[in-house]
Amino acid sequence: MTFTQSISICLQKYATFSGRASRSEYWWFILFTWILEILSTFVANAFFGVDTLAAMVADGLFSLSLLIPMLAVGARRLHDTNRSGWYQLLAIPAAGGIVMAVDVGANPLWGLTVLFWIPVVVWHASKGDPAENKHGVALN
């Protein structure tokens, strides 16, 4: 699957949490969202000023618009490995720990919270189940 095919499929399946997604579909879409996040930060800072409330709100709203398709493709990716899409929520404590470490300085729990993130990233990077599973047919 190509970069543009991945973006097209993920945006067409904006809030589709059922079915399966290939590794390339997932990772190309993640790369796309990271690129857009960086660009939106630059654009918001250019229009509203660096680190202003308006820039943060504009950037936050843009990020929020990508949250549902990111969660949907993440769930479909986990389905391809024959896991529940709910497992991606394990990454939430890790994100919170990283934010606290950056905001507060040295968070002693940071290392612990990253442990929740590791299996989620490994599952997203794992090869899909070659057979049909409860989430649908194999993707190739």
C-alpha atoms as a PDB file:
ATOM      1  CA  MET A   1       0.000   0.000   0.000  1.00  0.00           C
ATOM      2  CA  THR A   2       1.309   3.444  -0.898  1.00  0.00           C
ATOM      3  CA  PHE A   3       1.385   6.588   1.212  1.00  0.00           C
ATOM      4  CA  THR A   4      -1.536   8.192  -0.651  1.00  0.00           C
ATOM      5  CA  GLN A   5      -3.619   5.001  -0.653  1.00  0.00           C
ATOM      6  CA  SER A   6      -3.180   4.741   3.104  1.00  0.00           C
ATOM      7  CA  ILE A   7      -4.297   8.322   3.687  1.00  0.00           C
ATOM      8  CA  SER A   8      -7.285   7.869   1.400  1.00  0.00           C
ATOM      9  CA  ILE A   9      -8.420   4.648   3.078  1.00  0.00           C
ATOM     10  CA  CYS A  10      -7.948   5.978   6.604  1.00  0.00           C
ATOM     11  CA  LEU A  11      -9.885   9.166   5.874  1.00  0.00           C
ATOM     12  CA  GLN A  12     -12.650   7.206   4.126  1.00  0.00           C
ATOM     13  CA  LYS A  13     -12.840   4.973   7.211  1.00  0.00           C
ATOM     14  CA  TYR A  14     -12.677   8.025   9.506  1.00  0.00           C
ATOM     15  CA  ALA A  15     -14.589   6.382  12.368  1.00  0.00           C
ATOM     16  CA  THR A  16     -14.602   2.716  11.303  1.00  0.00           C
ATOM     17  CA  PHE A  17     -13.331   0.669  14.206  1.00  0.00           C
ATOM     18  CA  SER A  18     -14.217  -2.716  12.701  1.00  0.00           C
ATOM     19  CA  GLY A  19     -12.210  -4.717  10.216  1.00  0.00           C
ATOM     20  CA  ARG A  20      -8.477  -4.954   9.724  1.00  0.00           C
ATOM     21  CA  ALA A  21      -5.655  -2.625   8.642  1.00  0.00           C
ATOM     22  CA  SER A  22      -2.280  -3.624   7.222  1.00  0.00           C
ATOM     23  CA  ARG A  23       1.000  -2.487   8.726  1.00  0.00           C
ATOM     24  CA  SER A  24       1.653  -0.177   5.788  1.00  0.00           C
ATOM     25  CA  GLU A  25      -1.803   1.381   6.059  1.00  0.00           C
ATOM     26  CA  TYR A  26      -1.259   2.099   9.758  1.00  0.00           C
ATOM     27  CA  TRP A  27       2.336   3.356   9.635  1.00  0.00           C
ATOM     28  CA  TRP A  28       1.873   5.519   6.528  1.00  0.00           C
ATOM     29  CA  PHE A  29      -1.124   7.170   8.191  1.00  0.00           C
ATOM     30  CA  ILE A  30       0.825   7.730  11.408  1.00  0.00           C
ATOM     31  CA  LEU A  31       3.624   9.374   9.403  1.00  0.00           C
ATOM     32  CA  PHE A  32       1.020  11.547   7.649  1.00  0.00           C
ATOM     33  CA  THR A  33      -0.478  12.684  10.967  1.00  0.00           C
ATOM     34  CA  TRP A  34       2.960  13.463  12.419  1.00  0.00           C
ATOM     35  CA  ILE A  35       3.807  15.582   9.388  1.00  0.00           C
ATOM     36  CA  LEU A  36       0.472  17.405   9.656  1.00  0.00           C
ATOM     37  CA  GLU A  37       0.970  17.957  13.393  1.00  0.00           C
ATOM     38  CA  ILE A  38       4.352  19.590  12.793  1.00  0.00           C
ATOM     39  CA  LEU A  39       2.951  21.756   9.991  1.00  0.00           C
ATOM     40  CA  SER A  40      -0.088  22.768  12.040  1.00  0.00           C
ATOM     41  CA  THR A  41       2.175  23.872  14.892  1.00  0.00           C
ATOM     42  CA  PHE A  42       4.223  26.053  12.526  1.00  0.00           C
ATOM     43  CA  VAL A  43       1.097  27.518  10.900  1.00  0.00           C
ATOM     44  CA  ALA A  44      -0.614  28.212  14.226  1.00  0.00           C
ATOM     45  CA  ASN A  45       2.531  29.871  15.582  1.00  0.00           C
ATOM     46  CA  ALA A  46       2.897  31.936  12.389  1.00  0.00           C
ATOM     47  CA  PHE A  47      -0.691  33.190  12.541  1.00  0.00           C
ATOM     48  CA  PHE A  48      -1.142  33.642  16.278  1.00  0.00           C
ATOM     49  CA  GLY A  49       2.382  33.997  17.650  1.00  0.00           C
ATOM     50  CA  VAL A  50       4.644  31.484  19.308  1.00  0.00           C
ATOM     51  CA  ASP A  51       3.251  29.895  22.473  1.00  0.00           C
ATOM     52  CA  THR A  52       0.117  32.017  22.602  1.00  0.00           C
ATOM     53  CA  LEU A  53      -3.176  30.630  23.836  1.00  0.00           C
ATOM     54  CA  ALA A  54      -4.765  31.100  20.407  1.00  0.00           C
ATOM     55  CA  ALA A  55      -1.969  29.100  18.728  1.00  0.00           C
ATOM     56  CA  MET A  56      -2.297  26.310  21.273  1.00  0.00           C
ATOM     57  CA  VAL A  57      -6.090  26.176  20.869  1.00  0.00           C
ATOM     58  CA  ALA A  58      -5.855  26.143  17.053  1.00  0.00           C
ATOM     59  CA  ASP A  59      -3.196  23.430  17.121  1.00  0.00           C
ATOM     60  CA  GLY A  60      -5.180  21.465  19.703  1.00  0.00           C
ATOM     61  CA  LEU A  61      -8.355  21.599  17.624  1.00  0.00           C
ATOM     62  CA  PHE A  62      -6.453  20.358  14.599  1.00  0.00           C
ATOM     63  CA  SER A  63      -4.972  17.512  16.646  1.00  0.00           C
ATOM     64  CA  LEU A  64      -8.414  16.637  17.949  1.00  0.00           C
ATOM     65  CA  SER A  65      -9.711  16.355  14.377  1.00  0.00           C
ATOM     66  CA  LEU A  66      -7.176  13.576  13.732  1.00  0.00           C
ATOM     67  CA  LEU A  67      -7.797  11.682  16.978  1.00  0.00           C
ATOM     68  CA  ILE A  68     -10.742   9.579  15.780  1.00  0.00           C
ATOM     69  CA  PRO A  69      -9.126   8.325  12.548  1.00  0.00           C
ATOM     70  CA  MET A  70      -5.883   7.576  14.431  1.00  0.00           C
ATOM     71  CA  LEU A  71      -7.764   5.529  17.029  1.00  0.00           C
ATOM     72  CA  ALA A  72      -9.815   3.821  14.300  1.00  0.00           C
ATOM     73  CA  VAL A  73      -6.803   2.745  12.229  1.00  0.00           C
ATOM     74  CA  GLY A  74      -5.033   1.700  15.449  1.00  0.00           C
ATOM     75  CA  ALA A  75      -7.964  -0.522  16.400  1.00  0.00           C
ATOM     76  CA  ARG A  76      -8.104  -2.026  12.907  1.00  0.00           C
ATOM     77  CA  ARG A  77      -4.340  -2.638  13.039  1.00  0.00           C
ATOM     78  CA  LEU A  78      -4.663  -4.509  16.339  1.00  0.00           C
ATOM     79  CA  HIS A  79      -7.557  -6.484  14.843  1.00  0.00           C
ATOM     80  CA  ASP A  80      -5.187  -7.613  12.089  1.00  0.00           C
ATOM     81  CA  THR A  81      -2.971  -9.149  14.789  1.00  0.00           C
ATOM     82  CA  ASN A  82      -6.093 -10.788  16.302  1.00  0.00           C
ATOM     83  CA  ARG A  83      -6.177  -8.479  19.333  1.00  0.00           C
ATOM     84  CA  SER A  84      -8.854  -6.182  20.656  1.00  0.00           C
ATOM     85  CA  GLY A  85      -8.627  -2.554  19.543  1.00  0.00           C
ATOM     86  CA  TRP A  86      -9.082  -1.565  23.177  1.00  0.00           C
ATOM     87  CA  TYR A  87      -5.461  -2.549  23.867  1.00  0.00           C
ATOM     88  CA  GLN A  88      -4.253   0.671  22.276  1.00  0.00           C
ATOM     89  CA  LEU A  89      -5.591   2.504  25.326  1.00  0.00           C
ATOM     90  CA  LEU A  90      -2.639   1.070  27.273  1.00  0.00           C
ATOM     91  CA  ALA A  91      -0.581   3.850  25.685  1.00  0.00           C
ATOM     92  CA  ILE A  92      -2.548   6.550  27.538  1.00  0.00           C
ATOM     93  CA  PRO A  93      -0.630   6.180  30.845  1.00  0.00           C
ATOM     94  CA  ALA A  94       2.614   6.353  28.861  1.00  0.00           C
ATOM     95  CA  ALA A  95       1.548   9.588  27.177  1.00  0.00           C
ATOM     96  CA  GLY A  96       0.611  11.035  30.551  1.00  0.00           C
ATOM     97  CA  GLY A  97       3.978  10.076  32.008  1.00  0.00           C
ATOM     98  CA  ILE A  98       5.849  11.691  29.136  1.00  0.00           C
ATOM     99  CA  VAL A  99       3.832  14.901  29.440  1.00  0.00           C
ATOM    100  CA  MET A 100       4.527  15.024  33.173  1.00  0.00           C
ATOM    101  CA  ALA A 101       8.236  14.362  32.633  1.00  0.00           C
ATOM    102  CA  VAL A 102       8.474  17.215  30.139  1.00  0.00           C
ATOM    103  CA  ASP A 103       6.284  19.599  32.139  1.00  0.00           C
ATOM    104  CA  VAL A 104       7.492  18.921  35.666  1.00  0.00           C
ATOM    105  CA  GLY A 105      11.056  17.892  34.927  1.00  0.00           C
ATOM    106  CA  ALA A 106      12.067  14.559  36.340  1.00  0.00           C
ATOM    107  CA  ASN A 107       9.097  12.298  36.908  1.00  0.00           C
ATOM    108  CA  PRO A 108      10.151   9.140  38.742  1.00  0.00           C
ATOM    109  CA  LEU A 109       7.235   7.211  37.187  1.00  0.00           C
ATOM    110  CA  TRP A 110       8.210   8.078  33.605  1.00  0.00           C
ATOM    111  CA  GLY A 111      10.145   4.877  33.090  1.00  0.00           C
ATOM    112  CA  LEU A 112       7.273   2.837  34.483  1.00  0.00           C
ATOM    113  CA  THR A 113       4.653   4.427  32.260  1.00  0.00           C
ATOM    114  CA  VAL A 114       6.670   3.812  29.098  1.00  0.00           C
ATOM    115  CA  LEU A 115       6.366   0.089  29.840  1.00  0.00           C
ATOM    116  CA  PHE A 116       2.690   0.365  28.875  1.00  0.00           C
ATOM    117  CA  TRP A 117       3.632   1.818  25.497  1.00  0.00           C
ATOM    118  CA  ILE A 118       6.087  -0.893  24.472  1.00  0.00           C
ATOM    119  CA  PRO A 119       3.589  -3.717  23.874  1.00  0.00           C
ATOM    120  CA  VAL A 120       1.251  -1.420  21.938  1.00  0.00           C
ATOM    121  CA  VAL A 121       4.023  -0.339  19.559  1.00  0.00           C
ATOM    122  CA  VAL A 122       5.205  -3.953  19.180  1.00  0.00           C
ATOM    123  CA  TRP A 123       1.643  -5.121  18.407  1.00  0.00           C
ATOM    124  CA  HIS A 124       1.170  -2.368  15.832  1.00  0.00           C
ATOM    125  CA  ALA A 125       4.464  -3.385  14.194  1.00  0.00           C
ATOM    126  CA  SER A 126       3.737  -7.124  14.294  1.00  0.00           C
ATOM    127  CA  LYS A 127       2.836  -9.139  11.247  1.00  0.00           C
ATOM    128  CA  GLY A 128      -0.906  -9.618  10.827  1.00  0.00           C
ATOM    129  CA  ASP A 129      -2.675 -12.904  11.358  1.00  0.00           C
ATOM    130  CA  PRO A 130      -2.441 -14.716   7.994  1.00  0.00           C
ATOM    131  CA  ALA A 131      -5.734 -16.528   8.558  1.00  0.00           C
ATOM    132  CA  GLU A 132      -9.241 -15.184   8.839  1.00  0.00           C
ATOM    133  CA  ASN A 133      -9.975 -14.140  12.395  1.00  0.00           C
ATOM    134  CA  LYS A 134     -12.997 -12.760  14.242  1.00  0.00           C
ATOM    135  CA  HIS A 135     -12.254  -9.309  12.792  1.00  0.00           C
ATOM    136  CA  GLY A 136     -12.292 -10.322   9.125  1.00  0.00           C
ATOM    137  CA  VAL A 137     -10.304 -11.909   6.337  1.00  0.00           C
ATOM    138  CA  ALA A 138      -6.523 -11.677   5.999  1.00  0.00           C
ATOM    139  CA  LEU A 139      -5.143  -8.638   4.162  1.00  0.00           C
ATOM    140  CA  ASN A 140      -2.229 -10.373   2.325  1.00  0.00           C
END
